[in-house]
Every structure is written in C-alpha cells, then in structure tokens.
N, C-alpha and C. Protein backbone atom coordinates (compact mmCIF):
# COMPACT_ATOMS: atom_id res chain seq x y z
N MET A 1 89.27 92.31 146.07
CA MET A 1 90.12 91.14 146.04
C MET A 1 91.57 91.55 146.26
N VAL A 2 92.22 90.95 147.17
CA VAL A 2 93.67 91.18 147.39
C VAL A 2 94.46 89.89 147.22
N GLU A 3 95.73 90.00 146.95
CA GLU A 3 96.56 88.84 146.67
C GLU A 3 96.65 87.91 147.90
N ASN A 4 96.58 88.47 149.11
CA ASN A 4 96.64 87.65 150.32
C ASN A 4 95.42 86.75 150.44
N GLU A 5 94.21 87.30 150.06
CA GLU A 5 93.08 86.46 150.09
C GLU A 5 93.02 85.37 149.12
N VAL A 6 93.55 85.60 147.95
CA VAL A 6 93.66 84.50 146.97
C VAL A 6 94.53 83.37 147.49
N GLN A 7 95.62 83.64 148.17
CA GLN A 7 96.55 82.71 148.78
C GLN A 7 95.73 81.93 149.85
N VAL A 8 95.02 82.66 150.69
CA VAL A 8 94.23 82.01 151.75
C VAL A 8 93.20 81.10 151.17
N LEU A 9 92.54 81.51 150.15
CA LEU A 9 91.43 80.71 149.53
C LEU A 9 92.12 79.51 148.87
N ALA A 10 93.29 79.65 148.22
CA ALA A 10 93.99 78.51 147.61
C ALA A 10 94.35 77.48 148.66
N ASP A 11 94.89 77.92 149.80
CA ASP A 11 95.30 77.03 150.85
C ASP A 11 94.10 76.28 151.46
N TYR A 12 92.91 77.04 151.52
CA TYR A 12 91.72 76.36 152.02
C TYR A 12 91.18 75.32 151.07
N CYS A 13 91.34 75.53 149.73
CA CYS A 13 91.05 74.56 148.73
C CYS A 13 91.85 73.35 148.82
N ARG A 14 93.14 73.51 149.06
CA ARG A 14 94.04 72.38 149.21
C ARG A 14 93.63 71.55 150.36
N LEU A 15 93.19 72.28 151.47
CA LEU A 15 92.80 71.53 152.73
C LEU A 15 91.50 70.74 152.59
N LYS A 16 90.53 71.31 151.86
CA LYS A 16 89.19 70.77 151.86
C LYS A 16 88.78 69.96 150.64
N LEU A 17 89.47 70.17 149.54
CA LEU A 17 89.03 69.70 148.26
C LEU A 17 89.94 68.54 147.71
N ASP A 18 89.40 67.66 147.01
CA ASP A 18 90.21 66.63 146.26
C ASP A 18 90.63 67.21 144.94
N LEU A 19 91.69 67.89 144.88
CA LEU A 19 92.05 68.68 143.71
C LEU A 19 92.67 67.76 142.65
N GLN A 20 92.90 66.56 142.98
CA GLN A 20 93.34 65.50 142.04
C GLN A 20 92.24 65.02 141.09
N ASN A 21 91.03 65.21 141.61
CA ASN A 21 89.77 64.74 140.94
C ASN A 21 89.51 65.72 139.91
N THR A 22 89.70 65.37 138.58
CA THR A 22 89.41 66.27 137.48
C THR A 22 88.26 65.80 136.66
N ILE A 23 87.32 65.03 137.28
CA ILE A 23 86.16 64.54 136.57
C ILE A 23 84.99 65.47 136.95
N LEU A 24 84.40 66.08 135.92
CA LEU A 24 83.21 66.92 136.09
C LEU A 24 82.00 66.10 136.39
N ALA A 25 81.05 66.62 137.11
CA ALA A 25 79.75 65.91 137.30
C ALA A 25 79.06 65.66 135.97
N GLU A 26 78.13 64.71 135.99
CA GLU A 26 77.51 64.20 134.74
C GLU A 26 76.70 65.28 134.02
N GLU A 27 76.21 66.32 134.78
CA GLU A 27 75.38 67.35 134.13
C GLU A 27 76.18 68.16 133.13
N TYR A 28 77.55 68.09 133.19
CA TYR A 28 78.40 68.83 132.25
C TYR A 28 78.60 68.02 130.96
N GLY A 29 77.90 66.90 130.83
CA GLY A 29 78.05 66.15 129.65
C GLY A 29 76.78 66.07 128.71
N TYR A 30 75.83 66.97 128.94
CA TYR A 30 74.64 67.00 128.15
C TYR A 30 74.97 67.13 126.61
N THR A 31 74.27 66.40 125.84
CA THR A 31 74.47 66.49 124.33
C THR A 31 73.30 67.28 123.71
N SER A 32 72.26 67.59 124.44
CA SER A 32 71.17 68.45 123.98
C SER A 32 71.13 69.80 124.66
N LEU A 33 71.12 70.83 123.86
CA LEU A 33 71.02 72.17 124.44
C LEU A 33 69.78 72.44 125.26
N PRO A 34 68.59 71.86 124.91
CA PRO A 34 67.42 72.08 125.71
C PRO A 34 67.63 71.48 127.15
N LEU A 35 68.35 70.39 127.34
CA LEU A 35 68.64 69.86 128.66
C LEU A 35 69.44 70.78 129.45
N CYS A 36 70.40 71.43 128.82
CA CYS A 36 71.20 72.47 129.46
C CYS A 36 70.30 73.66 130.03
N ILE A 37 69.30 73.99 129.28
CA ILE A 37 68.35 74.96 129.64
C ILE A 37 67.50 74.53 130.82
N ILE A 38 67.00 73.37 130.75
CA ILE A 38 66.11 72.87 131.84
C ILE A 38 66.94 72.82 133.15
N ASP A 39 68.11 72.26 133.10
CA ASP A 39 68.99 72.14 134.32
C ASP A 39 69.28 73.56 134.85
N THR A 40 69.69 74.44 133.92
CA THR A 40 69.98 75.82 134.33
C THR A 40 68.76 76.44 135.08
N ILE A 41 67.65 76.47 134.54
CA ILE A 41 66.51 77.20 135.09
C ILE A 41 65.98 76.53 136.33
N PHE A 42 65.80 75.20 136.34
CA PHE A 42 65.27 74.53 137.42
C PHE A 42 66.20 74.39 138.66
N SER A 43 67.54 74.61 138.41
CA SER A 43 68.46 74.46 139.53
C SER A 43 68.59 75.73 140.42
N ILE A 44 68.04 76.86 139.92
CA ILE A 44 68.20 78.06 140.71
C ILE A 44 67.32 77.98 141.97
N ASN A 45 68.01 78.16 143.19
CA ASN A 45 67.26 78.11 144.44
C ASN A 45 66.51 76.82 144.67
N ALA A 46 67.13 75.71 144.23
CA ALA A 46 66.48 74.47 144.35
C ALA A 46 67.54 73.33 144.68
N ASN A 47 67.02 72.29 145.37
CA ASN A 47 67.83 71.10 145.64
C ASN A 47 68.17 70.47 144.32
N TYR A 48 69.51 70.16 144.14
CA TYR A 48 69.87 69.64 142.84
C TYR A 48 69.25 68.28 142.50
N THR A 49 68.98 67.46 143.52
CA THR A 49 68.39 66.20 143.22
C THR A 49 66.99 66.38 142.59
N THR A 50 66.27 67.40 143.04
CA THR A 50 65.04 67.79 142.42
C THR A 50 65.19 68.22 140.99
N THR A 51 66.21 68.98 140.79
CA THR A 51 66.47 69.47 139.43
C THR A 51 66.87 68.28 138.48
N ARG A 52 67.71 67.40 138.92
CA ARG A 52 68.12 66.30 138.19
C ARG A 52 66.84 65.40 137.80
N ASN A 53 66.01 65.21 138.81
CA ASN A 53 64.76 64.42 138.60
C ASN A 53 63.84 65.06 137.52
N THR A 54 63.84 66.45 137.52
CA THR A 54 63.10 67.16 136.54
C THR A 54 63.57 66.95 135.10
N VAL A 55 64.91 66.99 134.98
CA VAL A 55 65.54 66.76 133.67
C VAL A 55 65.26 65.32 133.26
N ASN A 56 65.34 64.38 134.12
CA ASN A 56 65.17 63.02 133.83
C ASN A 56 63.64 62.68 133.44
N ARG A 57 62.79 63.35 134.09
CA ARG A 57 61.37 63.18 133.74
C ARG A 57 61.04 63.65 132.27
N PHE A 58 61.69 64.79 131.93
CA PHE A 58 61.52 65.33 130.57
C PHE A 58 62.08 64.32 129.62
N VAL A 59 63.26 63.83 129.81
CA VAL A 59 63.86 62.83 128.90
C VAL A 59 63.06 61.59 128.84
N SER A 60 62.55 61.15 129.93
CA SER A 60 61.80 59.86 129.94
C SER A 60 60.47 59.98 129.27
N TYR A 61 59.73 61.23 129.46
CA TYR A 61 58.47 61.43 128.90
C TYR A 61 58.51 61.40 127.40
N PHE A 62 59.50 61.99 126.86
CA PHE A 62 59.60 62.14 125.36
C PHE A 62 60.58 61.01 124.83
N LYS A 63 61.00 60.10 125.65
CA LYS A 63 61.83 59.02 125.28
C LYS A 63 62.99 59.40 124.34
N LEU A 64 63.72 60.41 124.83
CA LEU A 64 64.78 61.00 124.04
C LEU A 64 66.03 60.02 123.97
N THR A 65 66.47 59.80 122.82
CA THR A 65 67.67 58.90 122.66
C THR A 65 68.65 59.61 121.80
N SER A 66 68.33 60.81 121.27
CA SER A 66 69.28 61.58 120.46
C SER A 66 69.11 63.06 120.76
N PRO A 67 70.09 63.84 120.43
CA PRO A 67 70.04 65.27 120.77
C PRO A 67 68.73 65.98 120.20
N LEU A 68 68.20 66.81 121.07
CA LEU A 68 66.98 67.62 120.73
C LEU A 68 67.36 68.97 120.39
N SER A 69 66.89 69.55 119.27
CA SER A 69 67.21 70.97 118.90
C SER A 69 66.33 71.92 119.63
N ILE A 70 66.72 73.20 119.58
CA ILE A 70 66.01 74.20 120.25
C ILE A 70 64.55 74.39 119.55
N SER A 71 64.58 74.36 118.20
CA SER A 71 63.30 74.49 117.50
C SER A 71 62.37 73.30 117.88
N ASP A 72 62.85 72.09 118.02
CA ASP A 72 62.02 70.97 118.35
C ASP A 72 61.60 71.11 119.82
N PHE A 73 62.35 71.69 120.68
CA PHE A 73 61.99 71.97 122.03
C PHE A 73 60.82 72.89 122.13
N ILE A 74 60.96 73.90 121.43
CA ILE A 74 59.90 74.99 121.29
C ILE A 74 58.59 74.34 120.75
N ALA A 75 58.79 73.46 119.81
CA ALA A 75 57.59 72.80 119.24
C ALA A 75 56.87 71.92 120.27
N LEU A 76 57.57 71.32 121.18
CA LEU A 76 56.92 70.57 122.27
C LEU A 76 55.99 71.38 123.06
N TYR A 77 56.37 72.65 123.26
CA TYR A 77 55.50 73.61 123.99
C TYR A 77 54.29 73.96 123.20
N GLN A 78 54.49 73.94 121.88
CA GLN A 78 53.35 74.35 121.04
C GLN A 78 52.31 73.22 120.96
N GLU A 79 52.85 71.95 121.14
CA GLU A 79 52.02 70.75 121.06
C GLU A 79 51.35 70.48 122.41
N ASN A 80 52.01 70.95 123.46
CA ASN A 80 51.49 70.73 124.87
C ASN A 80 51.41 72.04 125.50
N SER A 81 50.37 72.29 126.31
CA SER A 81 50.20 73.58 127.00
C SER A 81 51.33 73.80 128.04
N LEU A 82 51.54 75.01 128.39
CA LEU A 82 52.48 75.31 129.43
C LEU A 82 52.14 74.62 130.71
N GLU A 83 50.85 74.61 131.08
CA GLU A 83 50.49 73.97 132.31
C GLU A 83 50.76 72.45 132.19
N PHE A 84 50.53 71.91 131.05
CA PHE A 84 50.76 70.40 130.91
C PHE A 84 52.27 70.13 131.05
N MET A 85 53.11 71.06 130.50
CA MET A 85 54.56 70.78 130.57
C MET A 85 54.99 70.90 132.00
N ALA A 86 54.45 71.79 132.81
CA ALA A 86 54.86 71.93 134.12
C ALA A 86 54.33 70.79 135.00
N GLU A 87 53.04 70.48 134.85
CA GLU A 87 52.32 69.53 135.71
C GLU A 87 52.63 68.13 135.42
N LYS A 88 52.60 67.72 134.10
CA LYS A 88 52.67 66.34 133.70
C LYS A 88 54.07 65.91 133.16
N ILE A 89 54.77 66.76 132.56
CA ILE A 89 56.02 66.39 131.96
C ILE A 89 57.24 66.68 132.99
N TYR A 90 57.40 67.98 133.34
CA TYR A 90 58.41 68.25 134.33
C TYR A 90 57.97 67.71 135.78
N GLN A 91 56.73 67.76 135.98
CA GLN A 91 56.12 67.46 137.33
C GLN A 91 56.80 68.41 138.34
N ASN A 92 56.93 69.61 137.94
CA ASN A 92 57.66 70.54 138.79
C ASN A 92 57.05 71.98 138.58
N ARG A 93 56.36 72.47 139.57
CA ARG A 93 55.73 73.81 139.40
C ARG A 93 56.50 74.91 140.09
N GLN A 94 57.75 74.72 140.32
CA GLN A 94 58.56 75.72 140.93
C GLN A 94 58.53 77.02 140.05
N ARG A 95 58.65 78.17 140.75
CA ARG A 95 58.65 79.46 140.07
C ARG A 95 60.07 80.10 140.15
N THR A 96 60.39 80.99 139.28
CA THR A 96 61.65 81.63 139.24
C THR A 96 61.97 82.41 140.51
N SER A 97 60.97 82.88 141.25
CA SER A 97 61.13 83.49 142.55
C SER A 97 59.77 83.46 143.22
N THR A 98 59.85 83.62 144.51
CA THR A 98 58.64 83.44 145.35
C THR A 98 57.75 84.64 145.15
N ARG A 99 58.25 85.74 144.73
CA ARG A 99 57.46 87.03 144.55
C ARG A 99 57.57 87.40 143.13
N ASN A 100 56.36 87.47 142.47
CA ASN A 100 56.24 87.77 141.02
C ASN A 100 57.07 86.93 140.10
N GLY A 101 57.33 85.68 140.47
CA GLY A 101 58.06 84.73 139.62
C GLY A 101 57.13 84.11 138.62
N ILE A 102 57.71 83.58 137.56
CA ILE A 102 56.92 82.79 136.63
C ILE A 102 57.30 81.34 136.76
N LEU A 103 56.50 80.39 136.20
CA LEU A 103 56.87 79.03 136.31
C LEU A 103 58.24 78.83 135.60
N LYS A 104 59.05 78.00 136.23
CA LYS A 104 60.32 77.63 135.60
C LYS A 104 60.13 77.01 134.25
N ALA A 105 59.01 76.28 134.11
CA ALA A 105 58.68 75.75 132.78
C ALA A 105 58.57 76.73 131.77
N GLU A 106 58.02 77.89 132.12
CA GLU A 106 57.88 79.00 131.20
C GLU A 106 59.18 79.72 130.90
N ALA A 107 59.99 79.86 131.96
CA ALA A 107 61.25 80.49 131.85
C ALA A 107 62.14 79.73 130.86
N SER A 108 62.05 78.35 130.98
CA SER A 108 62.87 77.45 130.08
C SER A 108 62.44 77.71 128.61
N LEU A 109 61.21 77.91 128.37
CA LEU A 109 60.72 78.18 127.02
C LEU A 109 61.28 79.55 126.55
N LYS A 110 61.28 80.50 127.46
CA LYS A 110 61.72 81.83 127.05
C LYS A 110 63.19 81.82 126.72
N VAL A 111 64.05 81.05 127.55
CA VAL A 111 65.46 80.89 127.21
C VAL A 111 65.67 80.28 125.82
N ALA A 112 64.87 79.29 125.45
CA ALA A 112 64.96 78.63 124.20
C ALA A 112 64.61 79.65 123.02
N GLN A 113 63.61 80.48 123.31
CA GLN A 113 63.21 81.46 122.32
C GLN A 113 64.29 82.53 122.12
N VAL A 114 64.96 82.95 123.20
CA VAL A 114 66.01 83.85 123.08
C VAL A 114 67.21 83.30 122.26
N LEU A 115 67.52 82.03 122.53
CA LEU A 115 68.59 81.32 121.79
C LEU A 115 68.26 81.36 120.30
N LEU A 116 67.08 80.90 119.98
CA LEU A 116 66.67 80.76 118.58
C LEU A 116 66.67 82.10 117.94
N ASN A 117 66.24 83.18 118.63
CA ASN A 117 66.31 84.55 118.08
C ASN A 117 67.71 84.99 117.81
N HIS A 118 68.67 84.41 118.48
CA HIS A 118 70.11 84.72 118.21
C HIS A 118 70.77 83.76 117.34
N GLY A 119 69.95 82.91 116.70
CA GLY A 119 70.49 82.09 115.65
C GLY A 119 71.12 80.75 116.19
N VAL A 120 70.85 80.40 117.40
CA VAL A 120 71.39 79.10 118.04
C VAL A 120 70.32 78.07 118.09
N ASN A 121 70.57 76.94 117.44
CA ASN A 121 69.54 75.87 117.48
C ASN A 121 70.11 74.58 118.16
N ASP A 122 71.33 74.54 118.38
CA ASP A 122 71.93 73.34 119.00
C ASP A 122 73.34 73.72 119.60
N LEU A 123 73.96 72.68 120.28
CA LEU A 123 75.17 72.99 120.89
C LEU A 123 76.32 73.36 119.94
N ASP A 124 76.19 72.96 118.76
CA ASP A 124 77.23 73.25 117.72
C ASP A 124 77.29 74.74 117.43
N GLY A 125 76.25 75.45 117.63
CA GLY A 125 76.19 76.85 117.33
C GLY A 125 76.40 77.76 118.57
N ILE A 126 76.69 77.17 119.69
CA ILE A 126 76.66 77.95 120.91
C ILE A 126 77.68 79.09 120.97
N THR A 127 78.80 78.89 120.23
CA THR A 127 79.87 79.98 120.36
C THR A 127 79.32 81.32 119.89
N ALA A 128 78.30 81.32 119.14
CA ALA A 128 77.71 82.57 118.58
C ALA A 128 77.15 83.48 119.69
N ILE A 129 76.86 82.92 120.84
CA ILE A 129 76.25 83.70 121.90
C ILE A 129 77.12 83.79 123.16
N ILE A 130 78.22 83.13 123.27
CA ILE A 130 79.03 83.11 124.43
C ILE A 130 79.58 84.51 124.65
N ASN A 131 79.32 85.08 125.75
CA ASN A 131 79.78 86.47 126.10
C ASN A 131 79.29 87.53 125.08
N ASN A 132 78.18 87.25 124.42
CA ASN A 132 77.59 88.13 123.42
C ASN A 132 76.66 89.16 124.25
N PRO A 133 77.02 90.39 124.32
CA PRO A 133 76.24 91.33 125.13
C PRO A 133 74.72 91.39 124.81
N ALA A 134 74.43 91.29 123.56
CA ALA A 134 72.97 91.37 123.20
C ALA A 134 72.24 90.16 123.70
N PHE A 135 72.87 88.98 123.64
CA PHE A 135 72.21 87.74 124.19
C PHE A 135 72.18 87.84 125.66
N GLU A 136 73.12 88.35 126.26
CA GLU A 136 73.14 88.40 127.74
C GLU A 136 72.04 89.30 128.28
N VAL A 137 71.87 90.44 127.59
CA VAL A 137 70.75 91.32 127.99
C VAL A 137 69.41 90.65 127.80
N ASP A 138 69.21 89.93 126.74
CA ASP A 138 67.96 89.26 126.55
C ASP A 138 67.75 88.09 127.54
N PHE A 139 68.82 87.42 127.84
CA PHE A 139 68.68 86.34 128.78
C PHE A 139 68.35 86.83 130.25
N LYS A 140 69.07 87.85 130.67
CA LYS A 140 68.81 88.46 131.91
C LYS A 140 67.46 89.17 132.02
N GLY A 141 66.89 89.53 130.82
CA GLY A 141 65.56 90.11 130.82
C GLY A 141 64.46 89.11 131.15
N ILE A 142 64.72 87.86 131.07
CA ILE A 142 63.65 86.88 131.43
C ILE A 142 63.44 86.92 132.98
N THR A 143 62.23 86.87 133.34
CA THR A 143 61.87 87.01 134.79
C THR A 143 62.66 86.01 135.66
N GLY A 144 63.38 86.55 136.65
CA GLY A 144 64.11 85.74 137.62
C GLY A 144 65.52 85.47 137.24
N GLN A 145 66.01 85.98 136.06
CA GLN A 145 67.37 85.74 135.65
C GLN A 145 68.21 86.95 135.61
N GLY A 146 67.76 87.99 136.27
CA GLY A 146 68.46 89.31 136.23
C GLY A 146 69.83 89.29 136.86
N SER A 147 70.03 88.42 137.88
CA SER A 147 71.27 88.51 138.69
C SER A 147 72.46 88.00 137.87
N GLY A 148 72.23 87.18 136.83
CA GLY A 148 73.28 86.70 136.05
C GLY A 148 73.80 85.29 136.53
N VAL A 149 73.39 84.85 137.65
CA VAL A 149 73.88 83.55 138.23
C VAL A 149 73.48 82.44 137.28
N SER A 150 72.25 82.43 136.77
CA SER A 150 71.85 81.34 135.89
C SER A 150 72.48 81.44 134.53
N LEU A 151 72.83 82.59 134.05
CA LEU A 151 73.58 82.81 132.86
C LEU A 151 74.97 82.19 132.97
N ARG A 152 75.60 82.39 134.05
CA ARG A 152 76.98 81.82 134.24
C ARG A 152 76.89 80.36 134.32
N TYR A 153 75.91 79.84 134.95
CA TYR A 153 75.70 78.35 135.05
C TYR A 153 75.37 77.82 133.70
N PHE A 154 74.56 78.50 132.91
CA PHE A 154 74.31 78.02 131.52
C PHE A 154 75.61 77.90 130.73
N TYR A 155 76.37 78.92 130.84
CA TYR A 155 77.67 78.87 130.10
C TYR A 155 78.51 77.64 130.53
N MET A 156 78.46 77.39 131.84
CA MET A 156 79.21 76.17 132.38
C MET A 156 78.64 74.86 131.74
N LEU A 157 77.37 74.78 131.68
CA LEU A 157 76.72 73.57 131.16
C LEU A 157 77.05 73.30 129.72
N VAL A 158 77.20 74.40 128.96
CA VAL A 158 77.39 74.29 127.51
C VAL A 158 78.91 74.20 127.15
N GLY A 159 79.73 74.17 128.18
CA GLY A 159 81.14 73.82 127.96
C GLY A 159 82.14 74.89 128.22
N LEU A 160 81.77 76.09 128.78
CA LEU A 160 82.73 77.17 129.08
C LEU A 160 83.52 76.89 130.38
N ASP A 161 84.82 76.55 130.20
CA ASP A 161 85.61 76.21 131.42
C ASP A 161 85.95 77.38 132.35
N SER A 162 85.84 78.61 131.79
CA SER A 162 86.26 79.79 132.54
C SER A 162 85.15 80.32 133.48
N GLU A 163 83.99 79.67 133.45
CA GLU A 163 82.88 80.16 134.23
C GLU A 163 82.69 79.43 135.51
N ILE A 164 82.07 80.17 136.50
CA ILE A 164 81.61 79.55 137.79
C ILE A 164 80.14 79.96 137.98
N LYS A 165 79.48 79.26 138.90
CA LYS A 165 78.15 79.61 139.31
C LYS A 165 78.17 80.21 140.74
N PRO A 166 78.11 81.46 140.85
CA PRO A 166 78.24 82.21 142.13
C PRO A 166 76.99 82.07 142.95
N ASP A 167 76.62 80.80 143.39
CA ASP A 167 75.39 80.63 144.22
C ASP A 167 75.76 80.51 145.60
N ARG A 168 74.79 80.17 146.45
CA ARG A 168 75.04 80.22 147.91
C ARG A 168 76.05 79.16 148.42
N MET A 169 76.16 78.03 147.59
CA MET A 169 77.19 77.02 147.90
C MET A 169 78.59 77.59 147.82
N ILE A 170 78.86 78.26 146.73
CA ILE A 170 80.12 78.89 146.51
C ILE A 170 80.41 79.97 147.41
N ILE A 171 79.44 80.84 147.70
CA ILE A 171 79.62 81.94 148.60
C ILE A 171 79.91 81.48 149.98
N ARG A 172 79.21 80.41 150.47
CA ARG A 172 79.48 79.89 151.83
C ARG A 172 80.90 79.40 151.97
N PHE A 173 81.42 78.62 150.91
CA PHE A 173 82.72 78.15 150.93
C PHE A 173 83.80 79.27 151.01
N ILE A 174 83.63 80.25 150.16
CA ILE A 174 84.61 81.41 150.16
C ILE A 174 84.59 82.19 151.47
N GLU A 175 83.31 82.34 152.02
CA GLU A 175 83.23 83.02 153.31
C GLU A 175 83.86 82.23 154.39
N ALA A 176 83.77 80.92 154.36
CA ALA A 176 84.42 80.08 155.42
C ALA A 176 85.94 80.19 155.33
N ALA A 177 86.42 80.32 154.07
CA ALA A 177 87.88 80.41 153.85
C ALA A 177 88.42 81.74 154.28
N LEU A 178 87.69 82.85 153.95
CA LEU A 178 88.13 84.19 154.21
C LEU A 178 87.68 84.82 155.53
N SER A 179 86.77 84.14 156.12
CA SER A 179 86.22 84.59 157.47
C SER A 179 85.70 86.05 157.29
N ARG A 180 84.86 86.26 156.25
CA ARG A 180 84.18 87.62 156.02
C ARG A 180 83.05 87.37 155.09
N PRO A 181 82.01 88.31 155.12
CA PRO A 181 80.98 88.18 154.11
C PRO A 181 81.55 88.42 152.74
N VAL A 182 80.97 87.67 151.77
CA VAL A 182 81.41 87.72 150.39
C VAL A 182 80.22 88.08 149.47
N LYS A 183 80.34 89.06 148.63
CA LYS A 183 79.36 89.40 147.67
C LYS A 183 79.36 88.47 146.47
N MET A 184 78.28 88.29 145.82
CA MET A 184 78.17 87.41 144.68
C MET A 184 79.17 87.82 143.57
N GLU A 185 79.35 89.11 143.31
CA GLU A 185 80.23 89.59 142.23
C GLU A 185 81.68 89.39 142.51
N GLU A 186 81.98 89.07 143.80
CA GLU A 186 83.36 88.79 144.13
C GLU A 186 83.83 87.37 143.78
N CYS A 187 82.86 86.44 143.61
CA CYS A 187 83.15 85.05 143.48
C CYS A 187 84.00 84.67 142.28
N HIS A 188 83.59 85.20 141.10
CA HIS A 188 84.25 84.88 139.86
C HIS A 188 85.77 85.30 139.90
N PRO A 189 86.09 86.54 140.17
CA PRO A 189 87.46 86.89 140.21
C PRO A 189 88.29 86.17 141.26
N LEU A 190 87.65 85.93 142.44
CA LEU A 190 88.36 85.22 143.43
C LEU A 190 88.73 83.75 143.05
N LEU A 191 87.71 83.08 142.50
CA LEU A 191 88.04 81.73 142.10
C LEU A 191 88.86 81.61 140.88
N THR A 192 88.73 82.52 139.95
CA THR A 192 89.55 82.54 138.83
C THR A 192 91.08 82.76 139.18
N ALA A 193 91.29 83.72 140.09
CA ALA A 193 92.69 83.99 140.50
C ALA A 193 93.18 82.82 141.39
N THR A 194 92.36 82.18 142.12
CA THR A 194 92.71 81.05 142.96
C THR A 194 93.13 79.77 142.05
N CYS A 195 92.26 79.66 141.05
CA CYS A 195 92.54 78.54 140.06
C CYS A 195 93.91 78.70 139.36
N GLN A 196 94.21 79.93 139.01
CA GLN A 196 95.47 80.21 138.44
C GLN A 196 96.65 79.91 139.39
N LEU A 197 96.47 80.18 140.57
CA LEU A 197 97.47 79.83 141.58
C LEU A 197 97.70 78.38 141.76
N LEU A 198 96.54 77.69 141.78
CA LEU A 198 96.56 76.26 141.97
C LEU A 198 97.04 75.43 140.78
N LYS A 199 96.92 75.98 139.60
CA LYS A 199 97.28 75.31 138.36
C LYS A 199 98.72 74.92 138.33
N ALA A 200 99.62 75.55 139.12
CA ALA A 200 100.99 75.17 139.12
C ALA A 200 101.19 73.71 139.54
N ASP A 201 100.26 73.29 140.45
CA ASP A 201 100.33 71.90 140.99
C ASP A 201 99.27 71.04 140.30
N TYR A 202 98.18 71.73 139.88
CA TYR A 202 97.09 70.95 139.30
C TYR A 202 96.73 71.47 137.89
N PRO A 203 97.51 71.19 136.90
CA PRO A 203 97.43 71.82 135.61
C PRO A 203 96.10 71.64 134.91
N ASN A 204 95.36 70.58 135.22
CA ASN A 204 94.08 70.37 134.59
C ASN A 204 92.87 71.09 135.29
N LEU A 205 93.25 71.84 136.29
CA LEU A 205 92.22 72.58 137.01
C LEU A 205 91.68 73.75 136.18
N SER A 206 90.39 73.99 136.18
CA SER A 206 89.73 75.14 135.59
C SER A 206 88.75 75.80 136.58
N PRO A 207 88.33 77.04 136.36
CA PRO A 207 87.36 77.59 137.23
C PRO A 207 86.14 76.76 137.32
N ARG A 208 85.64 76.20 136.18
CA ARG A 208 84.47 75.37 136.24
C ARG A 208 84.58 74.21 137.02
N LEU A 209 85.76 73.49 136.91
CA LEU A 209 86.07 72.27 137.68
C LEU A 209 86.22 72.68 139.15
N LEU A 210 86.81 73.78 139.46
CA LEU A 210 87.08 74.13 140.86
C LEU A 210 85.65 74.47 141.45
N ASP A 211 84.75 75.15 140.75
CA ASP A 211 83.45 75.43 141.20
C ASP A 211 82.72 74.11 141.50
N ASN A 212 82.82 73.07 140.61
CA ASN A 212 82.17 71.80 140.82
C ASN A 212 82.69 71.08 142.04
N LEU A 213 84.04 71.16 142.26
CA LEU A 213 84.59 70.45 143.45
C LEU A 213 84.11 71.16 144.71
N ILE A 214 84.00 72.50 144.77
CA ILE A 214 83.53 73.18 145.87
C ILE A 214 82.08 72.83 146.13
N TRP A 215 81.26 72.79 145.01
CA TRP A 215 79.82 72.45 145.14
C TRP A 215 79.67 71.08 145.76
N GLN A 216 80.42 70.11 145.29
CA GLN A 216 80.31 68.75 145.78
C GLN A 216 80.71 68.63 147.27
N PHE A 217 81.79 69.47 147.64
CA PHE A 217 82.17 69.49 149.05
C PHE A 217 81.08 70.07 149.88
N GLN A 218 80.57 71.25 149.43
CA GLN A 218 79.57 71.92 150.30
C GLN A 218 78.26 71.09 150.43
N ARG A 219 77.97 70.31 149.40
CA ARG A 219 76.74 69.44 149.40
C ARG A 219 76.80 68.47 150.56
N GLN A 220 77.99 68.10 150.96
CA GLN A 220 78.15 67.08 152.04
C GLN A 220 78.18 67.67 153.43
N GLN A 221 78.22 69.00 153.52
CA GLN A 221 78.30 69.69 154.82
C GLN A 221 76.95 69.77 155.54
C-alpha cells in the first residue's frame, strides 16, 4: 500500500459512492447473536438475498420476537437434528466450500459452540472475544472459515466499526479503482487508510460503513 493509491481510491469513492449516506444496512441491527452467526456463515460465497431469506426463515420458524441466546440456539440443534435444521428450518443446504465443506447449518452450530466456550452467550458479552487471539484461532479452525473473511464480517455484524469484509465485491471495487490485481489481505489497510482520508469531509464515515457503501454499489453493477 502506498499513499498515492490511497488518494486514488479515495477519489474513486467520491466519484462512485454516496458518501453522505451514513445509514448501515439492516443486517447491522441484529439484536440476537445467533442471527449474526447465521448471516455470517450463510453469506460466504452466496447471493445475499438467499442469505437474508435463510435468516428470515429461521426467525419465522421459531417465531422469534425477542433476542435469542447462544445457549438457547445450541439447544435448538439438540432438539432438532442437523439435517432437519438444514432442510426444514433454514431450507438451505449450502456447504462452506464445494470441496470437503460441511453444511453451513453445521458451521453455524460450531461457531455458537466456540462462542459459548469463550464465555459469550449474547451480544452484551461480545467484547470478551473481539480481537481475542484464542477465539480467532478457534473460529478459523471451523471448516471453511480459515481465510478470516467470515470472522471479519462477524465482527462487523456484532458492531465493530473498524472492520471490513474483504470479499469479492470489495476486491473488485478496489481493483477497478487502482487498475491492478488486489490481494484479500490488502483490502483492510487500504480501506482503513482511505476512510481516514475521507473523514475530513465525511466525519461519520467508518471502515464498516465504507465497506457497506461499496458493497451496495457493487451489487448494482
């Protein structure tokens, strides 16, 4: 990353994005930690409409009207088989990867178990695992989560403004701005530095919000 590229990316953001819009998408307003998990896992390499429908089916099936704890979420898997959760509740049999992947329904359970193992049962306790190395090792140890993309997105969903999700949408946007191939690990430092540059004119901007604006733009392309 060089200073010139940050300026180029900032200029491209000004040209392509509505930087006055500081409203995050509705998925950033989840009140239940299990919904953050479901969104995180099912969104990887998937159309977001499909992911949103999966979350909504879970909420509708269990008629959720109040926040659900992690222990209660795990109990639902104990009351219903993994196959039933995937087939009848999520109605989504996507796997974490096409090769040697596990059902995303199973990966969601594994994330919940990791959280509970680290003493987190709801959103109020989430600060205990933010950027916690032991938690991150366990999270990335779940089949299909090794790249860290889903972990960053999970942090975004639970409220961390400093995070971005370096997926193909973000990479394509940055590549278009810089006219060169961009590696996944470059995305966070590039967008963080760009956000800092843009904050002079848009003080409410955060990396998470910038990521969301880019994602919404790329979705329309």
